Every structure is written in structure tokens, then in C-alpha cells.
Amino acid sequence: MMRLLLLGGTTEASRLARHLAERGIDAVFSYAGRTDHPVPQPLPTRIGGFGGVKGLRDYLLRERITHVIDATHPFAAQMSRNAIEACGQSGLPLLSHERMPWQASPEDRWTRLRDMAAACAALPENGARVFLAIGKQQLAEFAAKPANHYLLRLVDPPEGPLPLPDAHAVIGRGPFDVAGDTALMQDHRITHIVAKNAGGRGAEAKLIAARALRLPVILVDRPTLPPRESRDTLEGVMEWLAAHPAAPATEVPRGV
């Protein structure tokens, strides 16, 4: 009998959770716990880390998981690596449900870089007004350029002082629209945008707005992960599940 672990945190994960629940598929939704008020899900939900590869492997065994779908954020690289290793050790099928990365059009003014340190280095030393659309985890990287002004968009209000001397935070949860992001950039007189190449439509509005405003975008590429099966559509995920039926209960992989 199938019992699925869905590693979530994205719009695609929530859509898949609804689809699984409507079809009565036994599944558990897992949040990393990065936000204070995660979106409620129609599946049994757990919040928090597993404790590395061993903790995840033990959970898979204890909960008699037969399939794992990694629908975490494309930049949640450590969780994805842990899932690859834990499923490999446990002999469980693993699928990445990952949105396609954004692709530049001829009108875009993008600079693609490998990481946040390189993104920070690419900014002017002073005087720039930067829309830092990267979440909260790596804000401190930009303290190396303290003479710029930073506009931050966060899901939750900051719990303490921001790690940047000249910053303003707006609180919001996507999806966002082009009109709203255009107004936001104009109101804050933005000159540069830094973003992760997360893909998907929910956060693409800032790039469309930047294109219309002719603003330069520094886009950080996704981290490199070991090879794994991947599907970028809901239909592809369901086809993969159909092609990987669960083993009989007595044959569920028991770990190593």
C-alpha cells in the first residue's frame, strides 16, 4: 500500500497536496518550519527538520513511507540532498517536483551569478536602491555593501533588527502581480533587483515589472544537486506515481 511523504513549501506542493487528498492517497505533508504561519494543507502535516540524513531515513522506516516527492523550494538544497541520500540508502523511489527556471527574453537586463556572495559583489559600492527579493536566510551577505539601501519582501515580520543598516521590509506572501510589483519598485525608487531563479508564476511578477522599467536584475542560479528523477507538472507527478506502485506491505524497504 502506498504511503507518500511530500516535502513541501511551494505553491506546487500545495497544489499536489490538494490533488492527493481529493484522490484519497495516503500522504504526509512536511514543512521545514521556515515561516511562522505556513499555509494549511488538506493532508496530515508535520513541521520541522528531520535531523539530517539519518533522521530522515529513520522517519521513512518508522512511518512506513513507500514514496518521497521533493517539492521544496529549488534553493532548499540541503533538504533535497538529504532526501536523495536517505532514499538511496532506503531503496525508496524519489521524485523531484520542481518548477522550470526562468529564462531571459531579449528585453531583460539580467546578470546570472552562482551565489549570493557574487550577487553582492556585483552591486555598486554605494547609492544603489536594491530590491532584495531573496527571503530572509541570506540577508546578512549584503552587509558587505552597507552604503546601499535595501528593500526586503518577507513572509513574516522580522523578529529582531535587520542585518542591514539601511533597509526597509514589506511583508507579503505570493503570488504577486505585475501592477503591484511595478508600483512597489517605483514607490521605493529601486535601481537594482537581486533574486533567486526560483521559477514559477507566483514570483515572476517582479521580473516582468523590471523588464518594463528597464531595471537590471542580478539572478542567482540554482544550486547543483545530484541526478534525480524530476517532473515539472502535476500530470507528470501522477504518471510517475502510477509507474512506481508500492511494494506489498511485507516488502516495504526497511532501511540499512
Protein backbone atom coordinates (compact mmCIF):
# COMPACT_ATOMS: atom_id res chain seq x y z
CA MET A 1 0.00 0.00 0.00
CA MET A 2 1.29 3.45 -0.93
CA ARG A 3 2.25 5.91 1.80
CA LEU A 4 3.82 9.08 0.48
CA LEU A 5 5.99 11.76 2.09
CA LEU A 6 5.56 15.13 0.38
CA LEU A 7 8.34 17.57 1.20
CA GLY A 8 6.60 20.89 0.67
CA GLY A 9 6.83 24.64 0.94
CA THR A 10 5.96 25.74 -2.59
CA THR A 11 2.78 26.56 -4.49
CA GLU A 12 3.31 23.39 -6.50
CA ALA A 13 3.50 21.32 -3.31
CA SER A 14 0.19 22.75 -2.06
CA ARG A 15 -1.48 22.05 -5.40
CA LEU A 16 -0.19 18.47 -5.33
CA ALA A 17 -1.37 18.05 -1.72
CA ARG A 18 -4.91 19.01 -2.72
CA HIS A 19 -4.79 16.59 -5.63
CA LEU A 20 -3.58 13.73 -3.42
CA ALA A 21 -6.19 14.45 -0.76
CA GLU A 22 -9.02 14.54 -3.33
CA ARG A 23 -7.96 11.09 -4.51
CA GLY A 24 -7.64 9.63 -1.04
CA ILE A 25 -3.93 8.88 -1.37
CA ASP A 26 -2.23 8.26 1.97
CA ALA A 27 0.32 11.07 2.28
CA VAL A 28 2.07 13.24 4.86
CA PHE A 29 2.96 16.86 4.10
CA SER A 30 6.22 18.13 5.63
CA TYR A 31 7.16 21.77 6.18
CA ALA A 32 10.69 22.80 7.08
CA GLY A 33 9.35 25.40 9.53
CA ARG A 34 10.91 28.46 7.88
CA THR A 35 7.73 30.56 8.17
CA ASP A 36 5.65 31.32 11.25
CA HIS A 37 2.26 30.67 9.65
CA PRO A 38 2.55 28.06 6.89
CA VAL A 39 -0.34 27.54 4.51
CA PRO A 40 -2.75 24.92 5.95
CA GLN A 41 -2.79 21.67 3.99
CA PRO A 42 -5.52 19.05 3.42
CA LEU A 43 -3.09 16.29 4.47
CA PRO A 44 -1.63 15.28 7.83
CA THR A 45 1.18 17.79 8.35
CA ARG A 46 4.47 17.79 10.20
CA ILE A 47 6.65 20.87 10.74
CA GLY A 48 10.38 20.95 11.36
CA GLY A 49 13.56 19.23 10.27
CA PHE A 50 14.26 15.52 10.39
CA GLY A 51 17.75 15.64 11.85
CA GLY A 52 19.85 15.12 8.75
CA VAL A 53 20.05 12.06 6.56
CA LYS A 54 19.87 9.57 9.44
CA GLY A 55 16.84 11.28 10.96
CA LEU A 56 15.03 11.29 7.63
CA ARG A 57 15.93 7.66 6.98
CA ASP A 58 14.63 6.69 10.42
CA TYR A 59 11.40 8.61 9.78
CA LEU A 60 10.86 6.84 6.46
CA LEU A 61 11.24 3.49 8.17
CA ARG A 62 9.15 4.36 11.23
CA GLU A 63 6.28 5.78 9.18
CA ARG A 64 6.46 3.02 6.56
CA ILE A 65 6.87 5.55 3.75
CA THR A 66 6.90 3.98 0.29
CA HIS A 67 7.44 7.08 -1.92
CA VAL A 68 9.01 10.51 -1.44
CA ILE A 69 8.24 13.60 -3.52
CA ASP A 70 10.53 16.57 -3.03
CA ALA A 71 8.52 19.71 -3.81
CA THR A 72 10.62 22.01 -1.67
CA HIS A 73 11.89 25.37 -2.89
CA PRO A 74 14.54 24.98 -5.61
CA PHE A 75 17.04 26.62 -3.25
CA ALA A 76 16.35 24.26 -0.31
CA ALA A 77 19.42 22.36 -1.41
CA GLN A 78 20.32 20.70 1.89
CA MET A 79 16.87 19.15 2.30
CA SER A 80 16.98 17.91 -1.28
CA ARG A 81 20.43 16.38 -0.80
CA ASN A 82 19.27 14.69 2.39
CA ALA A 83 16.26 13.26 0.57
CA ILE A 84 18.43 11.91 -2.25
CA GLU A 85 20.79 10.21 0.18
CA ALA A 86 18.13 8.89 2.57
CA CYS A 87 16.02 7.46 -0.24
CA GLY A 88 19.09 5.94 -1.85
CA GLN A 89 20.02 4.21 1.40
CA SER A 90 16.43 3.05 1.99
CA GLY A 91 15.72 1.90 -1.55
CA LEU A 92 12.71 4.20 -1.88
CA PRO A 93 11.62 5.90 -5.10
CA LEU A 94 12.19 9.67 -5.03
CA LEU A 95 10.81 12.29 -7.40
CA SER A 96 11.57 15.99 -7.60
CA HIS A 97 8.50 18.09 -8.41
CA GLU A 98 10.33 21.23 -9.46
CA ARG A 99 9.18 24.22 -11.48
CA MET A 100 11.21 25.17 -14.54
CA PRO A 101 13.71 28.02 -14.05
CA TRP A 102 13.01 31.40 -15.58
CA GLN A 103 14.50 32.17 -18.97
CA ALA A 104 15.53 35.64 -20.09
CA SER A 105 13.85 37.39 -23.00
CA PRO A 106 15.78 39.79 -25.28
CA GLU A 107 14.34 42.73 -23.33
CA ASP A 108 15.62 41.56 -19.96
CA ARG A 109 18.73 43.04 -18.35
CA TRP A 110 19.84 40.00 -16.37
CA THR A 111 23.19 39.10 -14.86
CA ARG A 112 23.23 35.45 -13.82
CA LEU A 113 25.58 34.54 -10.98
CA ARG A 114 26.40 31.42 -8.97
CA ASP A 115 25.68 32.55 -5.39
CA MET A 116 24.74 35.42 -3.07
CA ALA A 117 28.34 36.47 -2.44
CA ALA A 118 28.79 37.02 -6.18
CA ALA A 119 25.45 38.86 -6.33
CA CYS A 120 26.54 41.21 -3.58
CA ALA A 121 29.89 41.81 -5.26
CA ALA A 122 28.08 42.78 -8.48
CA LEU A 123 26.19 45.64 -6.80
CA PRO A 124 27.52 49.21 -6.68
CA GLU A 125 29.52 50.14 -3.61
CA ASN A 126 27.04 52.84 -2.63
CA GLY A 127 23.95 54.71 -3.72
CA ALA A 128 22.00 51.78 -5.13
CA ARG A 129 18.41 51.13 -4.09
CA VAL A 130 18.14 47.36 -4.19
CA PHE A 131 15.00 45.22 -4.16
CA LEU A 132 16.44 42.21 -2.34
CA ALA A 133 13.85 39.55 -3.19
CA ILE A 134 15.66 36.57 -1.67
CA GLY A 135 13.79 35.74 1.55
CA LYS A 136 15.36 36.14 4.99
CA GLN A 137 18.02 33.43 5.23
CA GLN A 138 20.89 35.17 3.40
CA LEU A 139 20.29 38.85 4.06
CA ALA A 140 23.50 39.20 6.07
CA GLU A 141 25.56 38.53 2.92
CA PHE A 142 24.69 42.05 1.76
CA ALA A 143 26.09 43.74 4.85
CA ALA A 144 29.30 43.84 2.80
CA LYS A 145 27.70 46.72 0.86
CA PRO A 146 26.24 48.81 3.73
CA ALA A 147 26.06 52.08 1.77
CA ASN A 148 23.19 50.82 -0.41
CA HIS A 149 19.51 50.93 0.53
CA TYR A 150 17.72 47.56 0.59
CA LEU A 151 14.02 46.85 0.15
CA LEU A 152 13.15 43.42 1.56
CA ARG A 153 9.98 41.43 0.98
CA LEU A 154 9.45 38.88 3.76
CA VAL A 155 6.70 36.38 4.51
CA ASP A 156 6.88 37.05 8.27
CA PRO A 157 7.74 40.26 10.15
CA PRO A 158 11.38 40.25 11.32
CA GLU A 159 11.78 39.15 14.93
CA GLY A 160 14.69 41.48 15.62
CA PRO A 161 16.83 44.15 13.97
CA LEU A 162 17.51 43.59 10.29
CA PRO A 163 21.12 42.61 9.50
CA LEU A 164 21.47 45.56 7.12
CA PRO A 165 21.99 49.15 8.30
CA ASP A 166 19.74 50.79 5.67
CA ALA A 167 16.80 48.52 4.93
CA HIS A 168 13.03 48.57 4.78
CA ALA A 169 10.88 45.42 4.94
CA VAL A 170 7.46 44.88 3.42
CA ILE A 171 5.50 41.81 4.48
CA GLY A 172 3.71 39.75 1.86
CA ARG A 173 3.07 36.25 0.63
CA GLY A 174 2.84 35.44 -3.08
CA PRO A 175 1.58 35.09 -5.65
CA PHE A 176 2.31 38.71 -6.58
CA ASP A 177 1.06 40.67 -9.59
CA VAL A 178 2.88 42.86 -12.07
CA ALA A 179 0.95 46.04 -11.24
CA GLY A 180 1.72 45.68 -7.54
CA ASP A 181 5.41 44.94 -8.08
CA THR A 182 5.74 47.81 -10.56
CA ALA A 183 4.22 50.22 -8.05
CA LEU A 184 6.43 48.84 -5.27
CA MET A 185 9.60 49.42 -7.28
CA GLN A 186 8.55 52.88 -8.37
CA ASP A 187 7.48 53.93 -4.86
CA HIS A 188 10.86 52.84 -3.45
CA ARG A 189 12.86 54.21 -6.42
CA ILE A 190 14.50 50.84 -6.99
CA THR A 191 17.63 50.79 -9.19
CA HIS A 192 18.62 47.10 -8.94
CA ILE A 193 16.91 43.78 -8.21
CA VAL A 194 18.51 40.69 -6.69
CA ALA A 195 16.52 37.47 -6.89
CA LYS A 196 16.90 33.70 -6.92
CA ASN A 197 15.98 31.85 -10.09
CA ALA A 198 13.15 30.04 -8.35
CA GLY A 199 10.92 29.78 -11.42
CA GLY A 200 7.14 29.58 -11.36
CA ARG A 201 4.48 32.21 -11.89
CA GLY A 202 3.90 33.22 -8.26
CA ALA A 203 7.09 35.30 -8.01
CA GLU A 204 7.70 36.12 -11.68
CA ALA A 205 5.88 39.46 -11.47
CA LYS A 206 8.98 41.28 -10.23
CA LEU A 207 10.92 40.19 -13.33
CA ILE A 208 8.16 41.30 -15.68
CA ALA A 209 7.98 44.63 -13.85
CA ALA A 210 11.77 45.00 -14.04
CA ARG A 211 11.65 44.35 -17.78
CA ALA A 212 9.07 47.10 -18.29
CA LEU A 213 11.02 49.52 -16.07
CA ARG A 214 14.35 48.60 -17.74
CA LEU A 215 15.91 47.73 -14.40
CA PRO A 216 18.95 45.45 -14.08
CA VAL A 217 18.33 42.11 -12.39
CA ILE A 218 21.00 40.04 -10.66
CA LEU A 219 19.66 36.49 -10.78
CA VAL A 220 21.29 33.78 -8.67
CA ASP A 221 21.35 30.35 -10.30
CA ARG A 222 20.01 27.28 -8.55
CA PRO A 223 22.38 25.08 -6.57
CA THR A 224 23.67 21.97 -8.30
CA LEU A 225 22.22 18.69 -6.98
CA PRO A 226 22.98 15.04 -7.68
CA PRO A 227 20.93 13.50 -10.52
CA ARG A 228 17.34 12.51 -9.68
CA GLU A 229 14.07 11.98 -11.49
CA SER A 230 12.09 15.19 -11.92
CA ARG A 231 8.68 16.26 -13.19
CA ASP A 232 7.54 19.87 -13.56
CA THR A 233 3.79 19.26 -13.93
CA LEU A 234 1.11 17.75 -11.73
CA GLU A 235 0.22 15.33 -14.51
CA GLY A 236 3.84 14.21 -14.72
CA VAL A 237 3.93 13.53 -10.99
CA MET A 238 0.80 11.39 -11.13
CA GLU A 239 2.15 9.46 -14.11
CA TRP A 240 5.34 8.79 -12.15
CA LEU A 241 3.35 7.52 -9.16
CA ALA A 242 1.36 5.23 -11.43
CA ALA A 243 4.61 3.86 -12.86
CA HIS A 244 6.02 3.20 -9.38
CA PRO A 245 3.42 1.14 -7.49
CA ALA A 246 4.09 0.43 -3.83
CA ALA A 247 5.56 -2.88 -2.83
CA PRO A 248 3.39 -5.20 -0.69
CA ALA A 249 3.49 -4.27 2.97
CA THR A 250 5.84 -7.15 3.84
CA GLU A 251 8.31 -5.86 1.24
CA VAL A 252 8.44 -2.20 2.24
CA PRO A 253 12.15 -1.24 2.32
CA ARG A 254 13.44 -1.43 5.87
CA GLY A 255 16.47 0.84 5.60
CA VAL A 256 20.10 -0.12 6.07
